[in-house]
């Protein structure tokens, strides 16, 4: 039995790279500011699911503009989670 890896499109590779960079930097911010990891990951997941629902159909192609949007959207997903964790922490009494 041979293990076959999935074929990723250039847009998926760009988003995956962006999510790796964004996750590393956002996790540092969450740790430094002592925010909730749970809320961070819920916000991160919600941003990713919303992007797959709304943005995935529009990000088709391999031109520079599309790949730039893919990388920037990948970077932004973890930071949406950070923003949710930061906002809810600020509202806490």
PDB file of N, CA and C in Angstrom:
ATOM      1  N   UNK A   1       0.857  -1.175   0.000  1.00  0.00           N
ATOM      2  CA  UNK A   1       0.000   0.000   0.000  1.00  0.00           C
ATOM      3  C   UNK A   1       0.901   1.235   0.000  1.00  0.00           C
ATOM      4  N   UNK A   2       0.664   2.087  -0.948  1.00  0.00           N
ATOM      5  CA  UNK A   2       1.484   3.283  -1.101  1.00  0.00           C
ATOM      6  C   UNK A   2       0.711   4.512  -0.615  1.00  0.00           C
ATOM      7  N   UNK A   3       1.355   5.313   0.202  1.00  0.00           N
ATOM      8  CA  UNK A   3       0.732   6.525   0.722  1.00  0.00           C
ATOM      9  C   UNK A   3       0.807   7.619  -0.322  1.00  0.00           C
ATOM     10  N   UNK A   4      -0.327   8.185  -0.659  1.00  0.00           N
ATOM     11  CA  UNK A   4      -0.363   9.258  -1.649  1.00  0.00           C
ATOM     12  C   UNK A   4      -0.736  10.556  -0.960  1.00  0.00           C
ATOM     13  N   UNK A   5       0.091  11.545  -1.145  1.00  0.00           N
ATOM     14  CA  UNK A   5      -0.172  12.856  -0.576  1.00  0.00           C
ATOM     15  C   UNK A   5      -1.114  13.629  -1.484  1.00  0.00           C
ATOM     16  N   UNK A   6      -1.954  14.481  -0.915  1.00  0.00           N
ATOM     17  CA  UNK A   6      -2.869  15.247  -1.755  1.00  0.00           C
ATOM     18  C   UNK A   6      -2.118  16.281  -2.591  1.00  0.00           C
ATOM     19  N   UNK A   7      -2.649  16.550  -3.763  1.00  0.00           N
ATOM     20  CA  UNK A   7      -2.065  17.579  -4.631  1.00  0.00           C
ATOM     21  C   UNK A   7      -2.662  18.925  -4.244  1.00  0.00           C
ATOM     22  N   UNK A   8      -1.814  19.850  -3.863  1.00  0.00           N
ATOM     23  CA  UNK A   8      -2.275  21.176  -3.465  1.00  0.00           C
ATOM     24  C   UNK A   8      -2.100  22.156  -4.618  1.00  0.00           C
ATOM     25  N   UNK A   9      -3.082  23.012  -4.791  1.00  0.00           N
ATOM     26  CA  UNK A   9      -2.991  24.057  -5.803  1.00  0.00           C
ATOM     27  C   UNK A   9      -2.034  25.141  -5.308  1.00  0.00           C
ATOM     28  N   UNK A  10      -1.547  25.993  -6.203  1.00  0.00           N
ATOM     29  CA  UNK A  10      -0.677  27.090  -5.753  1.00  0.00           C
ATOM     30  C   UNK A  10      -1.353  28.001  -4.730  1.00  0.00           C
ATOM     31  N   UNK A  11      -2.649  28.210  -4.861  1.00  0.00           N
ATOM     32  CA  UNK A  11      -3.372  29.050  -3.890  1.00  0.00           C
ATOM     33  C   UNK A  11      -3.384  28.374  -2.522  1.00  0.00           C
ATOM     34  N   UNK A  12      -3.628  27.066  -2.496  1.00  0.00           N
ATOM     35  CA  UNK A  12      -3.637  26.339  -1.222  1.00  0.00           C
ATOM     36  C   UNK A  12      -2.251  26.351  -0.581  1.00  0.00           C
ATOM     37  N   UNK A  13      -1.206  26.216  -1.381  1.00  0.00           N
ATOM     38  CA  UNK A  13       0.153  26.275  -0.853  1.00  0.00           C
ATOM     39  C   UNK A  13       0.452  27.656  -0.278  1.00  0.00           C
ATOM     40  N   UNK A  14      -0.008  28.705  -0.946  1.00  0.00           N
ATOM     41  CA  UNK A  14       0.188  30.066  -0.453  1.00  0.00           C
ATOM     42  C   UNK A  14      -0.541  30.297   0.856  1.00  0.00           C
ATOM     43  N   UNK A  15      -1.789  29.821   0.936  1.00  0.00           N
ATOM     44  CA  UNK A  15      -2.528  29.984   2.182  1.00  0.00           C
ATOM     45  C   UNK A  15      -1.910  29.160   3.298  1.00  0.00           C
ATOM     46  N   UNK A  16      -1.438  27.976   2.992  1.00  0.00           N
ATOM     47  CA  UNK A  16      -0.803  27.145   4.004  1.00  0.00           C
ATOM     48  C   UNK A  16       0.476  27.798   4.530  1.00  0.00           C
ATOM     49  N   UNK A  17       1.268  28.354   3.641  1.00  0.00           N
ATOM     50  CA  UNK A  17       2.475  29.060   4.061  1.00  0.00           C
ATOM     51  C   UNK A  17       2.108  30.268   4.925  1.00  0.00           C
ATOM     52  N   UNK A  18       1.102  31.032   4.486  1.00  0.00           N
ATOM     53  CA  UNK A  18       0.659  32.194   5.259  1.00  0.00           C
ATOM     54  C   UNK A  18       0.127  31.809   6.619  1.00  0.00           C
ATOM     55  N   UNK A  19      -0.611  30.702   6.698  1.00  0.00           N
ATOM     56  CA  UNK A  19      -1.126  30.269   7.993  1.00  0.00           C
ATOM     57  C   UNK A  19       0.010  29.836   8.915  1.00  0.00           C
ATOM     58  N   UNK A  20       1.045  29.253   8.365  1.00  0.00           N
ATOM     59  CA  UNK A  20       2.195  28.885   9.195  1.00  0.00           C
ATOM     60  C   UNK A  20       2.886  30.101   9.779  1.00  0.00           C
ATOM     61  N   UNK A  21       3.115  31.099   8.949  1.00  0.00           N
ATOM     62  CA  UNK A  21       3.752  32.333   9.422  1.00  0.00           C
ATOM     63  C   UNK A  21       2.840  33.081  10.388  1.00  0.00           C
ATOM     64  N   UNK A  22       1.572  33.204  10.028  1.00  0.00           N
ATOM     65  CA  UNK A  22       0.622  33.908  10.886  1.00  0.00           C
ATOM     66  C   UNK A  22       0.412  33.209  12.210  1.00  0.00           C
ATOM     67  N   UNK A  23       0.372  31.869  12.190  1.00  0.00           N
ATOM     68  CA  UNK A  23       0.180  31.119  13.427  1.00  0.00           C
ATOM     69  C   UNK A  23       1.369  31.307  14.363  1.00  0.00           C
ATOM     70  N   UNK A  24       2.568  31.279  13.816  1.00  0.00           N
ATOM     71  CA  UNK A  24       3.756  31.475  14.652  1.00  0.00           C
ATOM     72  C   UNK A  24       3.789  32.839  15.305  1.00  0.00           C
ATOM     73  N   UNK A  25       3.515  33.865  14.545  1.00  0.00           N
ATOM     74  CA  UNK A  25       3.570  35.215  15.107  1.00  0.00           C
ATOM     75  C   UNK A  25       2.391  35.495  16.041  1.00  0.00           C
ATOM     76  N   UNK A  26       1.199  35.018  15.671  1.00  0.00           N
ATOM     77  CA  UNK A  26       0.033  35.260  16.523  1.00  0.00           C
ATOM     78  C   UNK A  26       0.135  34.487  17.832  1.00  0.00           C
ATOM     79  N   UNK A  27       0.683  33.267  17.790  1.00  0.00           N
ATOM     80  CA  UNK A  27       0.866  32.514  19.032  1.00  0.00           C
ATOM     81  C   UNK A  27       1.841  33.207  19.969  1.00  0.00           C
ATOM     82  N   UNK A  28       2.881  33.822  19.414  1.00  0.00           N
ATOM     83  CA  UNK A  28       3.788  34.602  20.251  1.00  0.00           C
ATOM     84  C   UNK A  28       3.050  35.757  20.927  1.00  0.00           C
ATOM     85  N   UNK A  29       2.180  36.419  20.172  1.00  0.00           N
ATOM     86  CA  UNK A  29       1.415  37.530  20.748  1.00  0.00           C
ATOM     87  C   UNK A  29       0.440  37.038  21.813  1.00  0.00           C
ATOM     88  N   UNK A  30      -0.211  35.907  21.574  1.00  0.00           N
ATOM     89  CA  UNK A  30      -1.148  35.347  22.561  1.00  0.00           C
ATOM     90  C   UNK A  30      -0.400  34.985  23.843  1.00  0.00           C
ATOM     91  N   UNK A  31       0.754  34.351  23.690  1.00  0.00           N
ATOM     92  CA  UNK A  31       1.548  33.966  24.863  1.00  0.00           C
ATOM     93  C   UNK A  31       2.045  35.195  25.625  1.00  0.00           C
ATOM     94  N   UNK A  32       2.533  36.182  24.894  1.00  0.00           N
ATOM     95  CA  UNK A  32       3.083  37.382  25.536  1.00  0.00           C
ATOM     96  C   UNK A  32       2.008  38.177  26.273  1.00  0.00           C
ATOM     97  N   UNK A  33       0.811  38.219  25.718  1.00  0.00           N
ATOM     98  CA  UNK A  33      -0.259  39.013  26.320  1.00  0.00           C
ATOM     99  C   UNK A  33      -1.135  38.192  27.258  1.00  0.00           C
ATOM    100  N   UNK A  34      -0.830  36.915  27.436  1.00  0.00           N
ATOM    101  CA  UNK A  34      -1.567  36.016  28.334  1.00  0.00           C
ATOM    102  C   UNK A  34      -3.049  35.955  27.981  1.00  0.00           C
ATOM    103  N   UNK A  35      -3.332  35.751  26.699  1.00  0.00           N
ATOM    104  CA  UNK A  35      -4.707  35.630  26.235  1.00  0.00           C
ATOM    105  C   UNK A  35      -5.115  34.163  26.229  1.00  0.00           C
ATOM    106  N   UNK A  36      -6.393  33.918  26.025  1.00  0.00           N
ATOM    107  CA  UNK A  36      -6.926  32.563  26.032  1.00  0.00           C
ATOM    108  C   UNK A  36      -6.594  31.837  24.722  1.00  0.00           C
ATOM    109  N   UNK A  37      -5.930  30.690  24.852  1.00  0.00           N
ATOM    110  CA  UNK A  37      -5.628  29.882  23.665  1.00  0.00           C
ATOM    111  C   UNK A  37      -6.903  29.327  23.046  1.00  0.00           C
ATOM    112  N   UNK A  38      -7.855  28.963  23.896  1.00  0.00           N
ATOM    113  CA  UNK A  38      -9.104  28.396  23.400  1.00  0.00           C
ATOM    114  C   UNK A  38      -9.839  29.381  22.493  1.00  0.00           C
ATOM    115  N   UNK A  39      -9.991  30.600  22.956  1.00  0.00           N
ATOM    116  CA  UNK A  39     -10.681  31.613  22.157  1.00  0.00           C
ATOM    117  C   UNK A  39      -9.888  31.926  20.903  1.00  0.00           C
ATOM    118  N   UNK A  40      -8.574  31.956  21.021  1.00  0.00           N
ATOM    119  CA  UNK A  40      -7.713  32.200  19.867  1.00  0.00           C
ATOM    120  C   UNK A  40      -7.951  31.158  18.775  1.00  0.00           C
ATOM    121  N   UNK A  41      -7.938  29.884  19.148  1.00  0.00           N
ATOM    122  CA  UNK A  41      -8.114  28.838  18.150  1.00  0.00           C
ATOM    123  C   UNK A  41      -9.529  28.778  17.599  1.00  0.00           C
ATOM    124  N   UNK A  42     -10.532  29.141  18.405  1.00  0.00           N
ATOM    125  CA  UNK A  42     -11.908  29.212  17.896  1.00  0.00           C
ATOM    126  C   UNK A  42     -12.023  30.326  16.854  1.00  0.00           C
ATOM    127  N   UNK A  43     -11.456  31.482  17.143  1.00  0.00           N
ATOM    128  CA  UNK A  43     -11.480  32.585  16.181  1.00  0.00           C
ATOM    129  C   UNK A  43     -10.706  32.268  14.917  1.00  0.00           C
ATOM    130  N   UNK A  44      -9.557  31.620  15.067  1.00  0.00           N
ATOM    131  CA  UNK A  44      -8.734  31.196  13.932  1.00  0.00           C
ATOM    132  C   UNK A  44      -9.525  30.235  13.056  1.00  0.00           C
ATOM    133  N   UNK A  45     -10.145  29.237  13.663  1.00  0.00           N
ATOM    134  CA  UNK A  45     -10.939  28.269  12.902  1.00  0.00           C
ATOM    135  C   UNK A  45     -12.143  28.897  12.225  1.00  0.00           C
ATOM    136  N   UNK A  46     -12.810  29.802  12.923  1.00  0.00           N
ATOM    137  CA  UNK A  46     -13.972  30.474  12.340  1.00  0.00           C
ATOM    138  C   UNK A  46     -13.572  31.329  11.141  1.00  0.00           C
ATOM    139  N   UNK A  47     -12.442  32.013  11.241  1.00  0.00           N
ATOM    140  CA  UNK A  47     -11.966  32.825  10.116  1.00  0.00           C
ATOM    141  C   UNK A  47     -11.611  31.945   8.924  1.00  0.00           C
ATOM    142  N   UNK A  48     -11.008  30.806   9.194  1.00  0.00           N
ATOM    143  CA  UNK A  48     -10.628  29.896   8.110  1.00  0.00           C
ATOM    144  C   UNK A  48     -11.859  29.306   7.432  1.00  0.00           C
ATOM    145  N   UNK A  49     -12.846  28.880   8.219  1.00  0.00           N
ATOM    146  CA  UNK A  49     -14.078  28.317   7.654  1.00  0.00           C
ATOM    147  C   UNK A  49     -14.840  29.375   6.856  1.00  0.00           C
ATOM    148  N   UNK A  50     -14.918  30.591   7.384  1.00  0.00           N
ATOM    149  CA  UNK A  50     -15.596  31.673   6.655  1.00  0.00           C
ATOM    150  C   UNK A  50     -14.879  31.973   5.340  1.00  0.00           C
ATOM    151  N   UNK A  51     -13.567  31.923   5.366  1.00  0.00           N
ATOM    152  CA  UNK A  51     -12.803  32.156   4.145  1.00  0.00           C
ATOM    153  C   UNK A  51     -13.051  31.053   3.127  1.00  0.00           C
ATOM    154  N   UNK A  52     -13.105  29.812   3.575  1.00  0.00           N
ATOM    155  CA  UNK A  52     -13.381  28.713   2.649  1.00  0.00           C
ATOM    156  C   UNK A  52     -14.770  28.853   2.046  1.00  0.00           C
ATOM    157  N   UNK A  53     -15.698  29.381   2.807  1.00  0.00           N
ATOM    158  CA  UNK A  53     -17.056  29.539   2.305  1.00  0.00           C
ATOM    159  C   UNK A  53     -17.173  30.690   1.309  1.00  0.00           C
ATOM    160  N   UNK A  54     -16.531  31.829   1.610  1.00  0.00           N
ATOM    161  CA  UNK A  54     -16.689  33.016   0.782  1.00  0.00           C
ATOM    162  C   UNK A  54     -15.560  33.262  -0.207  1.00  0.00           C
ATOM    163  N   UNK A  55     -14.325  32.990   0.175  1.00  0.00           N
ATOM    164  CA  UNK A  55     -13.173  33.376  -0.626  1.00  0.00           C
ATOM    165  C   UNK A  55     -12.664  32.266  -1.542  1.00  0.00           C
ATOM    166  N   UNK A  56     -12.877  31.018  -1.188  1.00  0.00           N
ATOM    167  CA  UNK A  56     -12.276  29.903  -1.930  1.00  0.00           C
ATOM    168  C   UNK A  56     -12.750  29.853  -3.379  1.00  0.00           C
ATOM    169  N   UNK A  57     -13.967  30.178  -3.629  1.00  0.00           N
ATOM    170  CA  UNK A  57     -14.487  30.133  -4.998  1.00  0.00           C
ATOM    171  C   UNK A  57     -13.896  31.222  -5.879  1.00  0.00           C
ATOM    172  N   UNK A  58     -13.424  32.289  -5.263  1.00  0.00           N
ATOM    173  CA  UNK A  58     -12.884  33.422  -6.027  1.00  0.00           C
ATOM    174  C   UNK A  58     -11.372  33.326  -6.245  1.00  0.00           C
ATOM    175  N   UNK A  59     -10.682  32.582  -5.412  1.00  0.00           N
ATOM    176  CA  UNK A  59      -9.229  32.470  -5.523  1.00  0.00           C
ATOM    177  C   UNK A  59      -8.855  31.293  -6.416  1.00  0.00           C
ATOM    178  N   UNK A  60      -8.909  31.531  -7.705  1.00  0.00           N
ATOM    179  CA  UNK A  60      -8.563  30.504  -8.683  1.00  0.00           C
ATOM    180  C   UNK A  60      -7.559  31.116  -9.642  1.00  0.00           C
ATOM    181  N   UNK A  61      -6.463  30.431  -9.857  1.00  0.00           N
ATOM    182  CA  UNK A  61      -5.456  30.917 -10.787  1.00  0.00           C
ATOM    183  C   UNK A  61      -4.076  30.886 -10.170  1.00  0.00           C
ATOM    184  N   UNK A  62      -3.108  31.328 -10.960  1.00  0.00           N
ATOM    185  CA  UNK A  62      -1.727  31.320 -10.489  1.00  0.00           C
ATOM    186  C   UNK A  62      -1.040  32.657 -10.728  1.00  0.00           C
ATOM    187  N   UNK A  63      -1.806  33.708 -10.986  1.00  0.00           N
ATOM    188  CA  UNK A  63      -1.164  35.010 -11.201  1.00  0.00           C
ATOM    189  C   UNK A  63      -0.708  35.596  -9.868  1.00  0.00           C
ATOM    190  N   UNK A  64       0.127  36.601  -9.952  1.00  0.00           N
ATOM    191  CA  UNK A  64       0.748  37.185  -8.753  1.00  0.00           C
ATOM    192  C   UNK A  64      -0.283  37.785  -7.802  1.00  0.00           C
ATOM    193  N   UNK A  65      -1.306  38.410  -8.334  1.00  0.00           N
ATOM    194  CA  UNK A  65      -2.329  39.036  -7.484  1.00  0.00           C
ATOM    195  C   UNK A  65      -3.074  37.973  -6.668  1.00  0.00           C
ATOM    196  N   UNK A  66      -3.451  36.880  -7.308  1.00  0.00           N
ATOM    197  CA  UNK A  66      -4.173  35.818  -6.616  1.00  0.00           C
ATOM    198  C   UNK A  66      -3.311  35.177  -5.541  1.00  0.00           C
ATOM    199  N   UNK A  67      -2.044  34.926  -5.857  1.00  0.00           N
ATOM    200  CA  UNK A  67      -1.163  34.304  -4.868  1.00  0.00           C
ATOM    201  C   UNK A  67      -0.861  35.244  -3.703  1.00  0.00           C
ATOM    202  N   UNK A  68      -0.763  36.538  -3.977  1.00  0.00           N
ATOM    203  CA  UNK A  68      -0.557  37.507  -2.902  1.00  0.00           C
ATOM    204  C   UNK A  68      -1.759  37.541  -1.969  1.00  0.00           C
ATOM    205  N   UNK A  69      -2.953  37.527  -2.538  1.00  0.00           N
ATOM    206  CA  UNK A  69      -4.168  37.503  -1.716  1.00  0.00           C
ATOM    207  C   UNK A  69      -4.233  36.215  -0.903  1.00  0.00           C
ATOM    208  N   UNK A  70      -3.820  35.098  -1.494  1.00  0.00           N
ATOM    209  CA  UNK A  70      -3.829  33.815  -0.780  1.00  0.00           C
ATOM    210  C   UNK A  70      -2.887  33.851   0.415  1.00  0.00           C
ATOM    211  N   UNK A  71      -1.677  34.344   0.215  1.00  0.00           N
ATOM    212  CA  UNK A  71      -0.702  34.400   1.320  1.00  0.00           C
ATOM    213  C   UNK A  71      -1.179  35.368   2.403  1.00  0.00           C
ATOM    214  N   UNK A  72      -1.660  36.539   2.017  1.00  0.00           N
ATOM    215  CA  UNK A  72      -2.119  37.520   3.007  1.00  0.00           C
ATOM    216  C   UNK A  72      -3.355  37.036   3.764  1.00  0.00           C
ATOM    217  N   UNK A  73      -4.251  36.338   3.079  1.00  0.00           N
ATOM    218  CA  UNK A  73      -5.416  35.803   3.785  1.00  0.00           C
ATOM    219  C   UNK A  73      -4.986  34.704   4.750  1.00  0.00           C
ATOM    220  N   UNK A  74      -4.002  33.886   4.357  1.00  0.00           N
ATOM    221  CA  UNK A  74      -3.488  32.864   5.271  1.00  0.00           C
ATOM    222  C   UNK A  74      -2.854  33.465   6.502  1.00  0.00           C
ATOM    223  N   UNK A  75      -2.132  34.554   6.331  1.00  0.00           N
ATOM    224  CA  UNK A  75      -1.521  35.233   7.478  1.00  0.00           C
ATOM    225  C   UNK A  75      -2.586  35.840   8.384  1.00  0.00           C
ATOM    226  N   UNK A  76      -3.677  36.313   7.798  1.00  0.00           N
ATOM    227  CA  UNK A  76      -4.694  37.019   8.578  1.00  0.00           C
ATOM    228  C   UNK A  76      -5.570  36.100   9.431  1.00  0.00           C
ATOM    229  N   UNK A  77      -5.745  34.822   9.064  1.00  0.00           N
ATOM    230  CA  UNK A  77      -6.627  33.937   9.836  1.00  0.00           C
ATOM    231  C   UNK A  77      -6.243  33.861  11.309  1.00  0.00           C
ATOM    232  N   UNK A  78      -4.980  33.576  11.648  1.00  0.00           N
ATOM    233  CA  UNK A  78      -4.633  33.530  13.076  1.00  0.00           C
ATOM    234  C   UNK A  78      -4.785  34.879  13.766  1.00  0.00           C
ATOM    235  N   UNK A  79      -4.560  35.954  13.038  1.00  0.00           N
ATOM    236  CA  UNK A  79      -4.680  37.269  13.659  1.00  0.00           C
ATOM    237  C   UNK A  79      -6.135  37.641  13.926  1.00  0.00           C
ATOM    238  N   UNK A  80      -7.065  37.074  13.185  1.00  0.00           N
ATOM    239  CA  UNK A  80      -8.484  37.248  13.514  1.00  0.00           C
ATOM    240  C   UNK A  80      -8.770  36.555  14.848  1.00  0.00           C
ATOM    241  N   UNK A  81      -8.193  35.370  15.034  1.00  0.00           N
ATOM    242  CA  UNK A  81      -8.331  34.688  16.324  1.00  0.00           C
ATOM    243  C   UNK A  81      -7.716  35.485  17.453  1.00  0.00           C
ATOM    244  N   UNK A  82      -6.553  36.087  17.209  1.00  0.00           N
ATOM    245  CA  UNK A  82      -5.921  36.929  18.228  1.00  0.00           C
ATOM    246  C   UNK A  82      -6.815  38.123  18.545  1.00  0.00           C
ATOM    247  N   UNK A  83      -7.387  38.736  17.519  1.00  0.00           N
ATOM    248  CA  UNK A  83      -8.256  39.893  17.718  1.00  0.00           C
ATOM    249  C   UNK A  83      -9.481  39.518  18.548  1.00  0.00           C
ATOM    250  N   UNK A  84     -10.052  38.355  18.282  1.00  0.00           N
ATOM    251  CA  UNK A  84     -11.197  37.906  19.087  1.00  0.00           C
ATOM    252  C   UNK A  84     -10.784  37.677  20.531  1.00  0.00           C
ATOM    253  N   UNK A  85      -9.662  37.005  20.744  1.00  0.00           N
ATOM    254  CA  UNK A  85      -9.193  36.765  22.116  1.00  0.00           C
ATOM    255  C   UNK A  85      -8.866  38.071  22.839  1.00  0.00           C
ATOM    256  N   UNK A  86      -8.239  38.998  22.135  1.00  0.00           N
ATOM    257  CA  UNK A  86      -7.898  40.285  22.732  1.00  0.00           C
ATOM    258  C   UNK A  86      -9.165  41.078  23.078  1.00  0.00           C
ATOM    259  N   UNK A  87     -10.119  41.099  22.147  1.00  0.00           N
ATOM    260  CA  UNK A  87     -11.362  41.832  22.381  1.00  0.00           C
ATOM    261  C   UNK A  87     -12.165  41.266  23.538  1.00  0.00           C
ATOM    262  N   UNK A  88     -12.284  39.946  23.598  1.00  0.00           N
ATOM    263  CA  UNK A  88     -13.031  39.336  24.714  1.00  0.00           C
ATOM    264  C   UNK A  88     -12.293  39.504  26.032  1.00  0.00           C
ATOM    265  N   UNK A  89     -10.953  39.512  25.995  1.00  0.00           N
ATOM    266  CA  UNK A  89     -10.199  39.749  27.215  1.00  0.00           C
ATOM    267  C   UNK A  89     -10.378  41.191  27.687  1.00  0.00           C
ATOM    268  N   UNK A  90     -10.512  42.117  26.774  1.00  0.00           N
ATOM    269  CA  UNK A  90     -10.704  43.523  27.149  1.00  0.00           C
ATOM    270  C   UNK A  90     -12.091  43.750  27.745  1.00  0.00           C
ATOM    271  N   UNK A  91     -13.067  42.938  27.319  1.00  0.00           N
ATOM    272  CA  UNK A  91     -14.426  43.086  27.857  1.00  0.00           C
ATOM    273  C   UNK A  91     -14.613  42.400  29.203  1.00  0.00           C
ATOM    274  N   UNK A  92     -13.672  41.555  29.583  1.00  0.00           N
ATOM    275  CA  UNK A  92     -13.782  40.823  30.840  1.00  0.00           C
ATOM    276  C   UNK A  92     -13.684  41.783  32.023  1.00  0.00           C
ATOM    277  N   UNK A  93     -14.552  41.621  33.030  1.00  0.00           N
ATOM    278  CA  UNK A  93     -14.499  42.541  34.176  1.00  0.00           C
ATOM    279  C   UNK A  93     -13.275  42.349  35.039  1.00  0.00           C
TER     280      UNK A  93
END
